Amino acid sequence: MNKNSENIIEAINETVTFIRQGQTGYTGATLNKTFRLLEALAQSLPQGKIAELAPILAVMHDAQQRKDMVYIADILQYEIVKIITV
């Protein structure tokens, strides 16, 4: 696992923790950080990983529009991490 992957996993864990604890003030900032790191990481991912990631990000966007933060936490923790670490 490269340093970028480690950074994003750390950001994901922080974001998920804040979401699950209901700390909305911190959630927005850490979610933005996570998205920025994910965007940077995507530049180095193989095309197949990007193809896996794209529909999941669309689902996350929909969940964000619905303000379903628990679903976003689940996606980050169980789907995004799986894609970037395998």
PDB file of N, CA and C in Angstrom:
ATOM      1  N   MET A   1       0.858  -1.168   0.000  1.00  0.00           N
ATOM      2  CA  MET A   1       0.000   0.000   0.000  1.00  0.00           C
ATOM      3  C   MET A   1       0.912   1.241   0.000  1.00  0.00           C
ATOM      4  N   ASN A   2       0.602   2.188  -0.876  1.00  0.00           N
ATOM      5  CA  ASN A   2       1.434   3.382  -0.960  1.00  0.00           C
ATOM      6  C   ASN A   2       0.985   4.441   0.049  1.00  0.00           C
ATOM      7  N   LYS A   3       1.794   5.486   0.163  1.00  0.00           N
ATOM      8  CA  LYS A   3       1.536   6.546   1.145  1.00  0.00           C
ATOM      9  C   LYS A   3       0.188   7.233   0.891  1.00  0.00           C
ATOM     10  N   ASN A   4      -0.172   7.447  -0.387  1.00  0.00           N
ATOM     11  CA  ASN A   4      -1.457   8.066  -0.702  1.00  0.00           C
ATOM     12  C   ASN A   4      -2.614   7.217  -0.194  1.00  0.00           C
ATOM     13  N   SER A   5      -2.502   5.902  -0.387  1.00  0.00           N
ATOM     14  CA  SER A   5      -3.553   5.003   0.097  1.00  0.00           C
ATOM     15  C   SER A   5      -3.652   5.054   1.615  1.00  0.00           C
ATOM     16  N   GLU A   6      -2.508   5.101   2.276  1.00  0.00           N
ATOM     17  CA  GLU A   6      -2.513   5.173   3.737  1.00  0.00           C
ATOM     18  C   GLU A   6      -3.169   6.469   4.213  1.00  0.00           C
ATOM     19  N   ASN A   7      -2.853   7.574   3.546  1.00  0.00           N
ATOM     20  CA  ASN A   7      -3.441   8.870   3.918  1.00  0.00           C
ATOM     21  C   ASN A   7      -4.952   8.865   3.753  1.00  0.00           C
ATOM     22  N   ILE A   8      -5.422   8.298   2.658  1.00  0.00           N
ATOM     23  CA  ILE A   8      -6.867   8.313   2.428  1.00  0.00           C
ATOM     24  C   ILE A   8      -7.585   7.372   3.381  1.00  0.00           C
ATOM     25  N   ILE A   9      -6.967   6.249   3.712  1.00  0.00           N
ATOM     26  CA  ILE A   9      -7.598   5.340   4.672  1.00  0.00           C
ATOM     27  C   ILE A   9      -7.686   6.005   6.041  1.00  0.00           C
ATOM     28  N   GLU A  10      -6.656   6.731   6.417  1.00  0.00           N
ATOM     29  CA  GLU A  10      -6.690   7.477   7.674  1.00  0.00           C
ATOM     30  C   GLU A  10      -7.803   8.528   7.647  1.00  0.00           C
ATOM     31  N   ALA A  11      -7.932   9.247   6.533  1.00  0.00           N
ATOM     32  CA  ALA A  11      -8.990  10.258   6.399  1.00  0.00           C
ATOM     33  C   ALA A  11     -10.370   9.604   6.413  1.00  0.00           C
ATOM     34  N   ILE A  12     -10.505   8.463   5.752  1.00  0.00           N
ATOM     35  CA  ILE A  12     -11.779   7.743   5.745  1.00  0.00           C
ATOM     36  C   ILE A  12     -12.147   7.321   7.165  1.00  0.00           C
ATOM     37  N   ASN A  13     -11.196   6.760   7.889  1.00  0.00           N
ATOM     38  CA  ASN A  13     -11.471   6.320   9.256  1.00  0.00           C
ATOM     39  C   ASN A  13     -11.895   7.491  10.140  1.00  0.00           C
ATOM     40  N   GLU A  14     -11.235   8.621   9.980  1.00  0.00           N
ATOM     41  CA  GLU A  14     -11.583   9.810  10.749  1.00  0.00           C
ATOM     42  C   GLU A  14     -12.996  10.286  10.396  1.00  0.00           C
ATOM     43  N   THR A  15     -13.294  10.333   9.097  1.00  0.00           N
ATOM     44  CA  THR A  15     -14.615  10.763   8.646  1.00  0.00           C
ATOM     45  C   THR A  15     -15.705   9.833   9.154  1.00  0.00           C
ATOM     46  N   VAL A  16     -15.483   8.536   9.019  1.00  0.00           N
ATOM     47  CA  VAL A  16     -16.466   7.542   9.467  1.00  0.00           C
ATOM     48  C   VAL A  16     -16.712   7.677  10.967  1.00  0.00           C
ATOM     49  N   THR A  17     -15.651   7.881  11.722  1.00  0.00           N
ATOM     50  CA  THR A  17     -15.800   8.044  13.172  1.00  0.00           C
ATOM     51  C   THR A  17     -16.669   9.256  13.501  1.00  0.00           C
ATOM     52  N   PHE A  18     -16.391  10.388  12.851  1.00  0.00           N
ATOM     53  CA  PHE A  18     -17.180  11.595  13.111  1.00  0.00           C
ATOM     54  C   PHE A  18     -18.639  11.406  12.709  1.00  0.00           C
ATOM     55  N   ILE A  19     -18.867  10.752  11.577  1.00  0.00           N
ATOM     56  CA  ILE A  19     -20.248  10.505  11.136  1.00  0.00           C
ATOM     57  C   ILE A  19     -20.972   9.647  12.164  1.00  0.00           C
ATOM     58  N   ARG A  20     -20.352   8.562  12.559  1.00  0.00           N
ATOM     59  CA  ARG A  20     -21.007   7.624  13.476  1.00  0.00           C
ATOM     60  C   ARG A  20     -21.222   8.229  14.866  1.00  0.00           C
ATOM     61  N   GLN A  21     -20.395   9.211  15.225  1.00  0.00           N
ATOM     62  CA  GLN A  21     -20.557   9.885  16.511  1.00  0.00           C
ATOM     63  C   GLN A  21     -21.504  11.077  16.424  1.00  0.00           C
ATOM     64  N   GLY A  22     -21.962  11.389  15.204  1.00  0.00           N
ATOM     65  CA  GLY A  22     -22.891  12.494  15.022  1.00  0.00           C
ATOM     66  C   GLY A  22     -22.240  13.866  15.140  1.00  0.00           C
ATOM     67  N   GLN A  23     -20.945  13.933  14.921  1.00  0.00           N
ATOM     68  CA  GLN A  23     -20.219  15.197  15.016  1.00  0.00           C
ATOM     69  C   GLN A  23     -20.224  15.891  13.658  1.00  0.00           C
ATOM     70  N   THR A  24     -21.359  16.492  13.341  1.00  0.00           N
ATOM     71  CA  THR A  24     -21.559  17.058  12.007  1.00  0.00           C
ATOM     72  C   THR A  24     -20.593  18.176  11.672  1.00  0.00           C
ATOM     73  N   GLY A  25     -20.158  18.932  12.659  1.00  0.00           N
ATOM     74  CA  GLY A  25     -19.213  20.012  12.394  1.00  0.00           C
ATOM     75  C   GLY A  25     -17.901  19.497  11.840  1.00  0.00           C
ATOM     76  N   TYR A  26     -17.426  18.405  12.383  1.00  0.00           N
ATOM     77  CA  TYR A  26     -16.172  17.815  11.914  1.00  0.00           C
ATOM     78  C   TYR A  26     -16.374  16.990  10.649  1.00  0.00           C
ATOM     79  N   THR A  27     -17.554  16.433  10.503  1.00  0.00           N
ATOM     80  CA  THR A  27     -17.824  15.555   9.363  1.00  0.00           C
ATOM     81  C   THR A  27     -17.625  16.267   8.033  1.00  0.00           C
ATOM     82  N   GLY A  28     -18.149  17.469   7.893  1.00  0.00           N
ATOM     83  CA  GLY A  28     -18.031  18.196   6.632  1.00  0.00           C
ATOM     84  C   GLY A  28     -16.588  18.419   6.228  1.00  0.00           C
ATOM     85  N   ALA A  29     -15.778  18.859   7.190  1.00  0.00           N
ATOM     86  CA  ALA A  29     -14.367  19.136   6.893  1.00  0.00           C
ATOM     87  C   ALA A  29     -13.615  17.862   6.538  1.00  0.00           C
ATOM     88  N   THR A  30     -13.840  16.798   7.301  1.00  0.00           N
ATOM     89  CA  THR A  30     -13.098  15.572   7.015  1.00  0.00           C
ATOM     90  C   THR A  30     -13.604  14.895   5.741  1.00  0.00           C
ATOM     91  N   LEU A  31     -14.890  15.035   5.447  1.00  0.00           N
ATOM     92  CA  LEU A  31     -15.413  14.472   4.201  1.00  0.00           C
ATOM     93  C   LEU A  31     -14.807  15.191   3.002  1.00  0.00           C
ATOM     94  N   ASN A  32     -14.691  16.507   3.081  1.00  0.00           N
ATOM     95  CA  ASN A  32     -14.047  17.259   2.000  1.00  0.00           C
ATOM     96  C   ASN A  32     -12.594  16.833   1.832  1.00  0.00           C
ATOM     97  N   LYS A  33     -11.896  16.660   2.940  1.00  0.00           N
ATOM     98  CA  LYS A  33     -10.502  16.206   2.892  1.00  0.00           C
ATOM     99  C   LYS A  33     -10.416  14.828   2.242  1.00  0.00           C
ATOM    100  N   THR A  34     -11.325  13.943   2.627  1.00  0.00           N
ATOM    101  CA  THR A  34     -11.340  12.595   2.063  1.00  0.00           C
ATOM    102  C   THR A  34     -11.566  12.636   0.559  1.00  0.00           C
ATOM    103  N   PHE A  35     -12.506  13.459   0.100  1.00  0.00           N
ATOM    104  CA  PHE A  35     -12.764  13.563  -1.336  1.00  0.00           C
ATOM    105  C   PHE A  35     -11.558  14.114  -2.084  1.00  0.00           C
ATOM    106  N   ARG A  36     -10.872  15.108  -1.509  1.00  0.00           N
ATOM    107  CA  ARG A  36      -9.671  15.663  -2.154  1.00  0.00           C
ATOM    108  C   ARG A  36      -8.577  14.604  -2.272  1.00  0.00           C
ATOM    109  N   LEU A  37      -8.368  13.841  -1.201  1.00  0.00           N
ATOM    110  CA  LEU A  37      -7.354  12.789  -1.225  1.00  0.00           C
ATOM    111  C   LEU A  37      -7.733  11.685  -2.211  1.00  0.00           C
ATOM    112  N   LEU A  38      -9.005  11.362  -2.245  1.00  0.00           N
ATOM    113  CA  LEU A  38      -9.476  10.337  -3.170  1.00  0.00           C
ATOM    114  C   LEU A  38      -9.286  10.780  -4.619  1.00  0.00           C
ATOM    115  N   GLU A  39      -9.560  12.044  -4.881  1.00  0.00           N
ATOM    116  CA  GLU A  39      -9.362  12.586  -6.217  1.00  0.00           C
ATOM    117  C   GLU A  39      -7.886  12.508  -6.617  1.00  0.00           C
ATOM    118  N   ALA A  40      -6.998  12.852  -5.695  1.00  0.00           N
ATOM    119  CA  ALA A  40      -5.566  12.782  -5.971  1.00  0.00           C
ATOM    120  C   ALA A  40      -5.124  11.333  -6.199  1.00  0.00           C
ATOM    121  N   LEU A  41      -5.641  10.432  -5.385  1.00  0.00           N
ATOM    122  CA  LEU A  41      -5.289   9.024  -5.523  1.00  0.00           C
ATOM    123  C   LEU A  41      -5.768   8.457  -6.853  1.00  0.00           C
ATOM    124  N   ALA A  42      -6.925   8.902  -7.298  1.00  0.00           N
ATOM    125  CA  ALA A  42      -7.503   8.391  -8.554  1.00  0.00           C
ATOM    126  C   ALA A  42      -6.562   8.614  -9.737  1.00  0.00           C
ATOM    127  N   GLN A  43      -5.712   9.627  -9.647  1.00  0.00           N
ATOM    128  CA  GLN A  43      -4.770   9.905 -10.737  1.00  0.00           C
ATOM    129  C   GLN A  43      -3.781   8.760 -10.932  1.00  0.00           C
ATOM    130  N   SER A  44      -3.530   7.994  -9.872  1.00  0.00           N
ATOM    131  CA  SER A  44      -2.551   6.913  -9.960  1.00  0.00           C
ATOM    132  C   SER A  44      -3.181   5.521  -9.998  1.00  0.00           C
ATOM    133  N   LEU A  45      -4.497   5.453  -9.963  1.00  0.00           N
ATOM    134  CA  LEU A  45      -5.170   4.152  -9.990  1.00  0.00           C
ATOM    135  C   LEU A  45      -5.256   3.601 -11.407  1.00  0.00           C
ATOM    136  N   PRO A  46      -5.209   2.280 -11.541  1.00  0.00           N
ATOM    137  CA  PRO A  46      -5.437   1.679 -12.854  1.00  0.00           C
ATOM    138  C   PRO A  46      -6.870   1.967 -13.328  1.00  0.00           C
ATOM    139  N   GLN A  47      -7.057   1.931 -14.620  1.00  0.00           N
ATOM    140  CA  GLN A  47      -8.360   2.233 -15.212  1.00  0.00           C
ATOM    141  C   GLN A  47      -9.473   1.352 -14.643  1.00  0.00           C
ATOM    142  N   GLY A  48      -9.171   0.094 -14.379  1.00  0.00           N
ATOM    143  CA  GLY A  48     -10.168  -0.815 -13.819  1.00  0.00           C
ATOM    144  C   GLY A  48     -10.664  -0.379 -12.457  1.00  0.00           C
ATOM    145  N   LYS A  49      -9.756   0.125 -11.634  1.00  0.00           N
ATOM    146  CA  LYS A  49     -10.143   0.617 -10.302  1.00  0.00           C
ATOM    147  C   LYS A  49     -10.999   1.880 -10.420  1.00  0.00           C
ATOM    148  N   ILE A  50     -10.645   2.734 -11.366  1.00  0.00           N
ATOM    149  CA  ILE A  50     -11.436   3.946 -11.587  1.00  0.00           C
ATOM    150  C   ILE A  50     -12.848   3.572 -12.038  1.00  0.00           C
ATOM    151  N   ALA A  51     -12.939   2.549 -12.884  1.00  0.00           N
ATOM    152  CA  ALA A  51     -14.250   2.088 -13.347  1.00  0.00           C
ATOM    153  C   ALA A  51     -15.077   1.530 -12.188  1.00  0.00           C
ATOM    154  N   GLU A  52     -14.428   0.898 -11.218  1.00  0.00           N
ATOM    155  CA  GLU A  52     -15.136   0.403 -10.034  1.00  0.00           C
ATOM    156  C   GLU A  52     -15.584   1.558  -9.134  1.00  0.00           C
ATOM    157  N   LEU A  53     -14.738   2.547  -9.051  1.00  0.00           N
ATOM    158  CA  LEU A  53     -14.968   3.665  -8.142  1.00  0.00           C
ATOM    159  C   LEU A  53     -16.073   4.606  -8.622  1.00  0.00           C
ATOM    160  N   ALA A  54     -16.166   4.826  -9.914  1.00  0.00           N
ATOM    161  CA  ALA A  54     -17.098   5.819 -10.463  1.00  0.00           C
ATOM    162  C   ALA A  54     -18.558   5.599 -10.033  1.00  0.00           C
ATOM    163  N   PRO A  55     -19.111   4.401 -10.187  1.00  0.00           N
ATOM    164  CA  PRO A  55     -20.514   4.247  -9.781  1.00  0.00           C
ATOM    165  C   PRO A  55     -20.718   4.376  -8.269  1.00  0.00           C
ATOM    166  N   ILE A  56     -19.715   4.000  -7.508  1.00  0.00           N
ATOM    167  CA  ILE A  56     -19.826   4.123  -6.054  1.00  0.00           C
ATOM    168  C   ILE A  56     -19.835   5.598  -5.648  1.00  0.00           C
ATOM    169  N   LEU A  57     -19.022   6.392  -6.321  1.00  0.00           N
ATOM    170  CA  LEU A  57     -19.013   7.824  -6.034  1.00  0.00           C
ATOM    171  C   LEU A  57     -20.357   8.467  -6.401  1.00  0.00           C
ATOM    172  N   ALA A  58     -20.981   7.966  -7.457  1.00  0.00           N
ATOM    173  CA  ALA A  58     -22.303   8.472  -7.831  1.00  0.00           C
ATOM    174  C   ALA A  58     -23.331   8.145  -6.746  1.00  0.00           C
ATOM    175  N   VAL A  59     -23.245   6.958  -6.188  1.00  0.00           N
ATOM    176  CA  VAL A  59     -24.145   6.560  -5.102  1.00  0.00           C
ATOM    177  C   VAL A  59     -23.884   7.434  -3.869  1.00  0.00           C
ATOM    178  N   MET A  60     -22.614   7.705  -3.605  1.00  0.00           N
ATOM    179  CA  MET A  60     -22.276   8.569  -2.475  1.00  0.00           C
ATOM    180  C   MET A  60     -22.841   9.970  -2.669  1.00  0.00           C
ATOM    181  N   HIS A  61     -22.756  10.455  -3.885  1.00  0.00           N
ATOM    182  CA  HIS A  61     -23.303  11.790  -4.177  1.00  0.00           C
ATOM    183  C   HIS A  61     -24.805  11.812  -3.914  1.00  0.00           C
ATOM    184  N   ASP A  62     -25.494  10.767  -4.360  1.00  0.00           N
ATOM    185  CA  ASP A  62     -26.934  10.675  -4.115  1.00  0.00           C
ATOM    186  C   ASP A  62     -27.222  10.635  -2.611  1.00  0.00           C
ATOM    187  N   ALA A  63     -26.436   9.864  -1.870  1.00  0.00           N
ATOM    188  CA  ALA A  63     -26.630   9.776  -0.422  1.00  0.00           C
ATOM    189  C   ALA A  63     -26.385  11.130   0.240  1.00  0.00           C
ATOM    190  N   GLN A  64     -25.403  11.860  -0.271  1.00  0.00           N
ATOM    191  CA  GLN A  64     -25.123  13.180   0.278  1.00  0.00           C
ATOM    192  C   GLN A  64     -26.284  14.137   0.014  1.00  0.00           C
ATOM    193  N   GLN A  65     -26.877  14.048  -1.177  1.00  0.00           N
ATOM    194  CA  GLN A  65     -28.021  14.886  -1.497  1.00  0.00           C
ATOM    195  C   GLN A  65     -29.194  14.594  -0.560  1.00  0.00           C
ATOM    196  N   ARG A  66     -29.321  13.336  -0.163  1.00  0.00           N
ATOM    197  CA  ARG A  66     -30.394  12.928   0.750  1.00  0.00           C
ATOM    198  C   ARG A  66     -30.014  13.107   2.219  1.00  0.00           C
ATOM    199  N   LYS A  67     -28.773  13.586   2.447  1.00  0.00           N
ATOM    200  CA  LYS A  67     -28.241  13.776   3.802  1.00  0.00           C
ATOM    201  C   LYS A  67     -28.206  12.465   4.593  1.00  0.00           C
ATOM    202  N   ASP A  68     -27.908  11.385   3.896  1.00  0.00           N
ATOM    203  CA  ASP A  68     -27.810  10.064   4.515  1.00  0.00           C
ATOM    204  C   ASP A  68     -26.342   9.781   4.848  1.00  0.00           C
ATOM    205  N   MET A  69     -25.894  10.385   5.925  1.00  0.00           N
ATOM    206  CA  MET A  69     -24.485  10.306   6.286  1.00  0.00           C
ATOM    207  C   MET A  69     -24.076   8.906   6.737  1.00  0.00           C
ATOM    208  N   VAL A  70     -24.976   8.172   7.333  1.00  0.00           N
ATOM    209  CA  VAL A  70     -24.640   6.809   7.757  1.00  0.00           C
ATOM    210  C   VAL A  70     -24.337   5.943   6.532  1.00  0.00           C
ATOM    211  N   TYR A  71     -25.102   6.119   5.471  1.00  0.00           N
ATOM    212  CA  TYR A  71     -24.854   5.369   4.240  1.00  0.00           C
ATOM    213  C   TYR A  71     -23.504   5.770   3.645  1.00  0.00           C
ATOM    214  N   ILE A  72     -23.174   7.049   3.701  1.00  0.00           N
ATOM    215  CA  ILE A  72     -21.871   7.504   3.218  1.00  0.00           C
ATOM    216  C   ILE A  72     -20.760   6.845   4.036  1.00  0.00           C
ATOM    217  N   ALA A  73     -20.927   6.788   5.340  1.00  0.00           N
ATOM    218  CA  ALA A  73     -19.931   6.134   6.196  1.00  0.00           C
ATOM    219  C   ALA A  73     -19.760   4.668   5.806  1.00  0.00           C
ATOM    220  N   ASP A  74     -20.875   3.986   5.584  1.00  0.00           N
ATOM    221  CA  ASP A  74     -20.810   2.576   5.172  1.00  0.00           C
ATOM    222  C   ASP A  74     -20.070   2.417   3.848  1.00  0.00           C
ATOM    223  N   ILE A  75     -20.379   3.267   2.893  1.00  0.00           N
ATOM    224  CA  ILE A  75     -19.726   3.188   1.587  1.00  0.00           C
ATOM    225  C   ILE A  75     -18.227   3.437   1.735  1.00  0.00           C
ATOM    226  N   LEU A  76     -17.870   4.467   2.471  1.00  0.00           N
ATOM    227  CA  LEU A  76     -16.453   4.760   2.671  1.00  0.00           C
ATOM    228  C   LEU A  76     -15.740   3.584   3.320  1.00  0.00           C
ATOM    229  N   GLN A  77     -16.305   3.095   4.395  1.00  0.00           N
ATOM    230  CA  GLN A  77     -15.649   2.064   5.188  1.00  0.00           C
ATOM    231  C   GLN A  77     -15.604   0.707   4.498  1.00  0.00           C
ATOM    232  N   TYR A  78     -16.673   0.333   3.823  1.00  0.00           N
ATOM    233  CA  TYR A  78     -16.755  -1.030   3.306  1.00  0.00           C
ATOM    234  C   TYR A  78     -16.549  -1.154   1.797  1.00  0.00           C
ATOM    235  N   GLU A  79     -16.741  -0.108   1.054  1.00  0.00           N
ATOM    236  CA  GLU A  79     -16.589  -0.195  -0.395  1.00  0.00           C
ATOM    237  C   GLU A  79     -15.323   0.512  -0.897  1.00  0.00           C
ATOM    238  N   ILE A  80     -15.164   1.769  -0.518  1.00  0.00           N
ATOM    239  CA  ILE A  80     -14.020   2.537  -1.011  1.00  0.00           C
ATOM    240  C   ILE A  80     -12.712   1.922  -0.544  1.00  0.00           C
ATOM    241  N   VAL A  81     -12.628   1.604   0.741  1.00  0.00           N
ATOM    242  CA  VAL A  81     -11.394   1.017   1.275  1.00  0.00           C
ATOM    243  C   VAL A  81     -11.066  -0.293   0.547  1.00  0.00           C
ATOM    244  N   LYS A  82     -12.081  -1.091   0.290  1.00  0.00           N
ATOM    245  CA  LYS A  82     -11.857  -2.363  -0.405  1.00  0.00           C
ATOM    246  C   LYS A  82     -11.270  -2.126  -1.803  1.00  0.00           C
ATOM    247  N   ILE A  83     -11.772  -1.145  -2.504  1.00  0.00           N
ATOM    248  CA  ILE A  83     -11.300  -0.878  -3.861  1.00  0.00           C
ATOM    249  C   ILE A  83      -9.860  -0.379  -3.862  1.00  0.00           C
ATOM    250  N   ILE A  84      -9.542   0.532  -2.964  1.00  0.00           N
ATOM    251  CA  ILE A  84      -8.205   1.129  -3.020  1.00  0.00           C
ATOM    252  C   ILE A  84      -7.113   0.279  -2.378  1.00  0.00           C
ATOM    253  N   THR A  85      -7.505  -0.751  -1.613  1.00  0.00           N
ATOM    254  CA  THR A  85      -6.481  -1.579  -0.960  1.00  0.00           C
ATOM    255  C   THR A  85      -6.274  -2.932  -1.622  1.00  0.00           C
ATOM    256  N   VAL A  86      -7.134  -3.309  -2.521  1.00  0.00           N
ATOM    257  CA  VAL A  86      -7.001  -4.626  -3.172  1.00  0.00           C
ATOM    258  C   VAL A  86      -6.214  -4.485  -4.454  1.00  0.00           C
TER     259      VAL A  86
END
